[in-house]
Amino acid sequence: MPDEPVVVRRSRRRRRTVTAYREGGQVVVAIPARFTAGEERRWVKIMLERLALQDQRRRPSDQALLARAQELSDRYLSGRAAPTSVRWVGNQQNRWGSCTPEDGSIRISGRLRGVPEWVLDYVLLHELAHLVEPGHGAEFWQLLDAYPKTERARGWLDGFAAGRELPQLAEGGGTVDG
């Protein structure tokens, strides 16, 4: 069960479909008005389980971030980047991620929780590339060329930043990691 309260909304126009979403600090489960109390309980349980699975995919734990980073390093960097830790942080307001090459630690801004997986993959890969090449020179960007969604993810992040009035990426480098 989620920490948020659950509100069930019955609709006469809804015939067969059931949906669940978050709204104002609560989970809303929308069901057809004709459902019995038993059907309501059954569908609320199903939809809460689905939301929990979605959260696991879109809001991975620190352990899942580390595992994903290792997969990305293997796939796109031939395993050359070996992070010692990857974790979410709440204190990065002007960066998407940062790393410390000396100790292999990577930090990802909590503002990215819930972004599309391919965007998070880009930020992770960007920080992993810094474990191989610390600067933003040509060698660094060549490492990121292997990821097919680099430009798309950078554009998504720029749009996300503009929509929230955050600093945008500079040409050729910038605020992904400062």
C-alpha atoms as a PDB file:
ATOM      1  CA  MET A   1       0.000   0.000   0.000  1.00  0.00           C
ATOM      2  CA  PRO A   2       1.241   3.497  -0.757  1.00  0.00           C
ATOM      3  CA  ASP A   3       1.961   6.123   1.874  1.00  0.00           C
ATOM      4  CA  GLU A   4      -0.531   8.421   0.167  1.00  0.00           C
ATOM      5  CA  PRO A   5      -4.264   8.130   0.874  1.00  0.00           C
ATOM      6  CA  VAL A   6      -6.285   6.261  -1.752  1.00  0.00           C
ATOM      7  CA  VAL A   7      -9.400   7.883  -3.204  1.00  0.00           C
ATOM      8  CA  VAL A   8     -11.811   5.873  -5.351  1.00  0.00           C
ATOM      9  CA  ARG A   9     -13.731   7.849  -7.956  1.00  0.00           C
ATOM     10  CA  ARG A  10     -16.749   6.208  -9.547  1.00  0.00           C
ATOM     11  CA  SER A  11     -17.869   7.372 -12.953  1.00  0.00           C
ATOM     12  CA  ARG A  12     -21.117   6.643 -14.787  1.00  0.00           C
ATOM     13  CA  ARG A  13     -19.403   7.364 -18.103  1.00  0.00           C
ATOM     14  CA  ARG A  14     -16.614   4.874 -17.424  1.00  0.00           C
ATOM     15  CA  ARG A  15     -17.753   1.465 -18.687  1.00  0.00           C
ATOM     16  CA  ARG A  16     -14.869  -1.008 -18.471  1.00  0.00           C
ATOM     17  CA  THR A  17     -11.597   0.759 -17.824  1.00  0.00           C
ATOM     18  CA  VAL A  18      -9.891   1.346 -14.506  1.00  0.00           C
ATOM     19  CA  THR A  19      -7.072   3.848 -14.055  1.00  0.00           C
ATOM     20  CA  ALA A  20      -4.874   4.968 -11.195  1.00  0.00           C
ATOM     21  CA  TYR A  21      -2.740   8.084 -10.855  1.00  0.00           C
ATOM     22  CA  ARG A  22      -1.321  10.450  -8.290  1.00  0.00           C
ATOM     23  CA  GLU A  23      -3.011  13.766  -7.670  1.00  0.00           C
ATOM     24  CA  GLY A  24      -2.312  16.243  -4.893  1.00  0.00           C
ATOM     25  CA  GLY A  25      -0.570  13.825  -2.546  1.00  0.00           C
ATOM     26  CA  GLN A  26      -3.077  11.021  -2.973  1.00  0.00           C
ATOM     27  CA  VAL A  27      -3.630   8.044  -5.262  1.00  0.00           C
ATOM     28  CA  VAL A  28      -6.831   8.233  -7.307  1.00  0.00           C
ATOM     29  CA  VAL A  29      -8.349   5.027  -8.639  1.00  0.00           C
ATOM     30  CA  ALA A  30     -11.097   5.681 -11.194  1.00  0.00           C
ATOM     31  CA  ILE A  31     -13.590   2.859 -11.707  1.00  0.00           C
ATOM     32  CA  PRO A  32     -16.968   2.363 -13.383  1.00  0.00           C
ATOM     33  CA  ALA A  33     -19.899   3.338 -11.126  1.00  0.00           C
ATOM     34  CA  ARG A  34     -21.487  -0.105 -11.572  1.00  0.00           C
ATOM     35  CA  PHE A  35     -18.654  -1.971  -9.800  1.00  0.00           C
ATOM     36  CA  THR A  36     -19.600  -3.822  -6.625  1.00  0.00           C
ATOM     37  CA  ALA A  37     -17.714  -3.229  -3.372  1.00  0.00           C
ATOM     38  CA  GLY A  38     -15.824  -6.475  -3.980  1.00  0.00           C
ATOM     39  CA  GLU A  39     -14.827  -5.447  -7.507  1.00  0.00           C
ATOM     40  CA  GLU A  40     -13.733  -2.082  -6.162  1.00  0.00           C
ATOM     41  CA  ARG A  41     -11.451  -3.712  -3.546  1.00  0.00           C
ATOM     42  CA  ARG A  42     -10.034  -6.089  -6.166  1.00  0.00           C
ATOM     43  CA  TRP A  43      -9.303  -3.306  -8.665  1.00  0.00           C
ATOM     44  CA  VAL A  44      -7.837  -0.942  -6.074  1.00  0.00           C
ATOM     45  CA  LYS A  45      -5.402  -3.696  -5.049  1.00  0.00           C
ATOM     46  CA  ILE A  46      -4.477  -4.424  -8.688  1.00  0.00           C
ATOM     47  CA  MET A  47      -3.954  -0.760  -9.526  1.00  0.00           C
ATOM     48  CA  LEU A  48      -1.839  -0.087  -6.436  1.00  0.00           C
ATOM     49  CA  GLU A  49       0.378  -3.028  -7.401  1.00  0.00           C
ATOM     50  CA  ARG A  50       0.710  -1.621 -10.920  1.00  0.00           C
ATOM     51  CA  LEU A  51       1.649   1.810  -9.575  1.00  0.00           C
ATOM     52  CA  ALA A  52       4.264   0.208  -7.322  1.00  0.00           C
ATOM     53  CA  LEU A  53       5.811  -1.615 -10.304  1.00  0.00           C
ATOM     54  CA  GLN A  54       5.766   1.595 -12.329  1.00  0.00           C
ATOM     55  CA  ASP A  55       7.488   3.395  -9.452  1.00  0.00           C
ATOM     56  CA  GLN A  56      10.212   0.741  -9.337  1.00  0.00           C
ATOM     57  CA  ARG A  57      10.892   1.289 -13.034  1.00  0.00           C
ATOM     58  CA  ARG A  58      10.669   5.068 -13.006  1.00  0.00           C
ATOM     59  CA  ARG A  59      12.075   5.759  -9.535  1.00  0.00           C
ATOM     60  CA  PRO A  60      14.821   3.196  -9.027  1.00  0.00           C
ATOM     61  CA  SER A  61      16.577   2.757  -5.691  1.00  0.00           C
ATOM     62  CA  ASP A  62      20.246   3.616  -5.227  1.00  0.00           C
ATOM     63  CA  GLN A  63      21.055  -0.097  -5.631  1.00  0.00           C
ATOM     64  CA  ALA A  64      19.106  -0.225  -8.885  1.00  0.00           C
ATOM     65  CA  LEU A  65      20.919   2.918 -10.093  1.00  0.00           C
ATOM     66  CA  LEU A  66      24.279   1.263  -9.435  1.00  0.00           C
ATOM     67  CA  ALA A  67      23.215  -1.901 -11.264  1.00  0.00           C
ATOM     68  CA  ARG A  68      21.938   0.161 -14.213  1.00  0.00           C
ATOM     69  CA  ALA A  69      25.170   2.170 -14.295  1.00  0.00           C
ATOM     70  CA  GLN A  70      27.193  -1.046 -14.441  1.00  0.00           C
ATOM     71  CA  GLU A  71      25.007  -2.320 -17.319  1.00  0.00           C
ATOM     72  CA  LEU A  72      25.473   0.955 -19.203  1.00  0.00           C
ATOM     73  CA  SER A  73      29.233   0.886 -18.652  1.00  0.00           C
ATOM     74  CA  ASP A  74      29.418  -2.650 -20.003  1.00  0.00           C
ATOM     75  CA  ARG A  75      27.228  -1.881 -22.997  1.00  0.00           C
ATOM     76  CA  TYR A  76      28.522   1.528 -24.088  1.00  0.00           C
ATOM     77  CA  LEU A  77      31.963   1.910 -22.482  1.00  0.00           C
ATOM     78  CA  SER A  78      33.250  -1.676 -22.709  1.00  0.00           C
ATOM     79  CA  GLY A  79      33.101  -1.858 -18.912  1.00  0.00           C
ATOM     80  CA  ARG A  80      35.799   0.827 -18.545  1.00  0.00           C
ATOM     81  CA  ALA A  81      33.830   2.831 -15.978  1.00  0.00           C
ATOM     82  CA  ALA A  82      33.467   1.100 -12.621  1.00  0.00           C
ATOM     83  CA  PRO A  83      31.483   3.250 -10.204  1.00  0.00           C
ATOM     84  CA  THR A  84      31.861   2.483  -6.513  1.00  0.00           C
ATOM     85  CA  SER A  85      28.495   4.063  -5.698  1.00  0.00           C
ATOM     86  CA  VAL A  86      25.572   5.665  -7.498  1.00  0.00           C
ATOM     87  CA  ARG A  87      22.932   7.449  -5.458  1.00  0.00           C
ATOM     88  CA  TRP A  88      20.121   9.959  -5.580  1.00  0.00           C
ATOM     89  CA  VAL A  89      20.810  13.293  -3.887  1.00  0.00           C
ATOM     90  CA  GLY A  90      18.552  16.186  -3.033  1.00  0.00           C
ATOM     91  CA  ASN A  91      21.127  18.957  -2.986  1.00  0.00           C
ATOM     92  CA  GLN A  92      21.809  19.335  -6.730  1.00  0.00           C
ATOM     93  CA  GLN A  93      19.660  22.196  -7.950  1.00  0.00           C
ATOM     94  CA  ASN A  94      21.841  23.267 -10.888  1.00  0.00           C
ATOM     95  CA  ARG A  95      23.137  19.889 -12.042  1.00  0.00           C
ATOM     96  CA  TRP A  96      21.547  16.674 -13.283  1.00  0.00           C
ATOM     97  CA  GLY A  97      24.403  14.597 -11.977  1.00  0.00           C
ATOM     98  CA  SER A  98      27.964  14.742 -10.739  1.00  0.00           C
ATOM     99  CA  CYS A  99      30.799  12.369 -10.114  1.00  0.00           C
ATOM    100  CA  THR A 100      34.084  12.188  -8.269  1.00  0.00           C
ATOM    101  CA  PRO A 101      36.528  10.274 -10.479  1.00  0.00           C
ATOM    102  CA  GLU A 102      38.993   9.880  -7.589  1.00  0.00           C
ATOM    103  CA  ASP A 103      36.652   7.631  -5.615  1.00  0.00           C
ATOM    104  CA  GLY A 104      34.270   6.480  -8.378  1.00  0.00           C
ATOM    105  CA  SER A 105      31.147   7.933  -6.788  1.00  0.00           C
ATOM    106  CA  ILE A 106      28.231   9.239  -8.855  1.00  0.00           C
ATOM    107  CA  ARG A 107      25.359  11.366  -7.620  1.00  0.00           C
ATOM    108  CA  ILE A 108      22.113  11.899  -9.538  1.00  0.00           C
ATOM    109  CA  SER A 109      19.791  14.812  -8.812  1.00  0.00           C
ATOM    110  CA  GLY A 110      16.532  13.737  -7.196  1.00  0.00           C
ATOM    111  CA  ARG A 111      14.806  16.120  -9.628  1.00  0.00           C
ATOM    112  CA  LEU A 112      15.274  13.370 -12.224  1.00  0.00           C
ATOM    113  CA  ARG A 113      13.175  10.791 -10.383  1.00  0.00           C
ATOM    114  CA  GLY A 114      10.417   9.736 -12.725  1.00  0.00           C
ATOM    115  CA  VAL A 115      12.008  10.947 -15.972  1.00  0.00           C
ATOM    116  CA  PRO A 116      11.938   8.579 -18.950  1.00  0.00           C
ATOM    117  CA  GLU A 117      14.420   5.743 -18.578  1.00  0.00           C
ATOM    118  CA  TRP A 118      16.420   6.756 -21.669  1.00  0.00           C
ATOM    119  CA  VAL A 119      16.966  10.237 -20.202  1.00  0.00           C
ATOM    120  CA  LEU A 120      18.188   8.828 -16.891  1.00  0.00           C
ATOM    121  CA  ASP A 121      20.397   6.420 -18.849  1.00  0.00           C
ATOM    122  CA  TYR A 122      21.987   9.379 -20.638  1.00  0.00           C
ATOM    123  CA  VAL A 123      22.717  11.198 -17.354  1.00  0.00           C
ATOM    124  CA  LEU A 124      24.164   8.012 -15.857  1.00  0.00           C
ATOM    125  CA  LEU A 125      26.262   7.411 -18.953  1.00  0.00           C
ATOM    126  CA  HIS A 126      27.457  11.040 -18.921  1.00  0.00           C
ATOM    127  CA  GLU A 127      28.717  10.599 -15.368  1.00  0.00           C
ATOM    128  CA  LEU A 128      30.208   7.189 -16.159  1.00  0.00           C
ATOM    129  CA  ALA A 129      32.120   8.737 -19.052  1.00  0.00           C
ATOM    130  CA  HIS A 130      33.708  11.123 -16.545  1.00  0.00           C
ATOM    131  CA  LEU A 131      35.165   8.134 -14.720  1.00  0.00           C
ATOM    132  CA  VAL A 132      37.058   7.405 -17.949  1.00  0.00           C
ATOM    133  CA  GLU A 133      37.612  10.989 -19.168  1.00  0.00           C
ATOM    134  CA  PRO A 134      37.223  13.686 -16.466  1.00  0.00           C
ATOM    135  CA  GLY A 135      36.792  16.742 -18.724  1.00  0.00           C
ATOM    136  CA  HIS A 136      34.330  17.705 -21.461  1.00  0.00           C
ATOM    137  CA  GLY A 137      36.853  17.477 -24.304  1.00  0.00           C
ATOM    138  CA  ALA A 138      36.529  15.671 -27.616  1.00  0.00           C
ATOM    139  CA  GLU A 139      37.516  12.326 -26.073  1.00  0.00           C
ATOM    140  CA  PHE A 140      34.700  12.642 -23.556  1.00  0.00           C
ATOM    141  CA  TRP A 141      32.053  13.338 -26.208  1.00  0.00           C
ATOM    142  CA  GLN A 142      33.365  10.452 -28.332  1.00  0.00           C
ATOM    143  CA  LEU A 143      32.567   8.133 -25.440  1.00  0.00           C
ATOM    144  CA  LEU A 144      28.961   9.380 -25.431  1.00  0.00           C
ATOM    145  CA  ASP A 145      28.641   8.942 -29.210  1.00  0.00           C
ATOM    146  CA  ALA A 146      28.013   5.240 -28.568  1.00  0.00           C
ATOM    147  CA  TYR A 147      24.683   6.059 -26.877  1.00  0.00           C
ATOM    148  CA  PRO A 148      22.120   6.528 -29.670  1.00  0.00           C
ATOM    149  CA  LYS A 149      19.853   8.850 -27.674  1.00  0.00           C
ATOM    150  CA  THR A 150      22.460  11.366 -26.508  1.00  0.00           C
ATOM    151  CA  GLU A 151      21.147  14.322 -28.542  1.00  0.00           C
ATOM    152  CA  ARG A 152      17.525  13.439 -27.859  1.00  0.00           C
ATOM    153  CA  ALA A 153      18.164  13.190 -24.104  1.00  0.00           C
ATOM    154  CA  ARG A 154      20.071  16.488 -24.066  1.00  0.00           C
ATOM    155  CA  GLY A 155      17.131  18.126 -25.838  1.00  0.00           C
ATOM    156  CA  TRP A 156      14.678  16.585 -23.376  1.00  0.00           C
ATOM    157  CA  LEU A 157      16.722  17.875 -20.438  1.00  0.00           C
ATOM    158  CA  ASP A 158      16.907  21.361 -21.988  1.00  0.00           C
ATOM    159  CA  GLY A 159      13.122  21.388 -22.379  1.00  0.00           C
ATOM    160  CA  PHE A 160      12.635  20.082 -18.854  1.00  0.00           C
ATOM    161  CA  ALA A 161      14.950  22.780 -17.499  1.00  0.00           C
ATOM    162  CA  ALA A 162      13.230  25.517 -19.516  1.00  0.00           C
ATOM    163  CA  GLY A 163       9.830  24.391 -18.292  1.00  0.00           C
ATOM    164  CA  ARG A 164      11.011  24.624 -14.699  1.00  0.00           C
ATOM    165  CA  GLU A 165      13.179  27.698 -15.291  1.00  0.00           C
ATOM    166  CA  LEU A 166      16.380  25.809 -14.447  1.00  0.00           C
ATOM    167  CA  PRO A 167      19.819  26.319 -16.007  1.00  0.00           C
ATOM    168  CA  GLN A 168      20.057  24.686 -19.424  1.00  0.00           C
ATOM    169  CA  LEU A 169      22.978  22.734 -20.847  1.00  0.00           C
ATOM    170  CA  ALA A 170      25.641  24.814 -22.511  1.00  0.00           C
ATOM    171  CA  GLU A 171      26.823  23.893 -25.992  1.00  0.00           C
ATOM    172  CA  GLY A 172      29.474  21.186 -25.799  1.00  0.00           C
ATOM    173  CA  GLY A 173      29.182  20.613 -22.064  1.00  0.00           C
ATOM    174  CA  GLY A 174      27.551  22.374 -19.232  1.00  0.00           C
ATOM    175  CA  THR A 175      25.425  21.694 -16.265  1.00  0.00           C
ATOM    176  CA  VAL A 176      24.923  17.943 -16.413  1.00  0.00           C
ATOM    177  CA  ASP A 177      27.790  17.775 -13.983  1.00  0.00           C
ATOM    178  CA  GLY A 178      28.892  21.336 -13.663  1.00  0.00           C
END
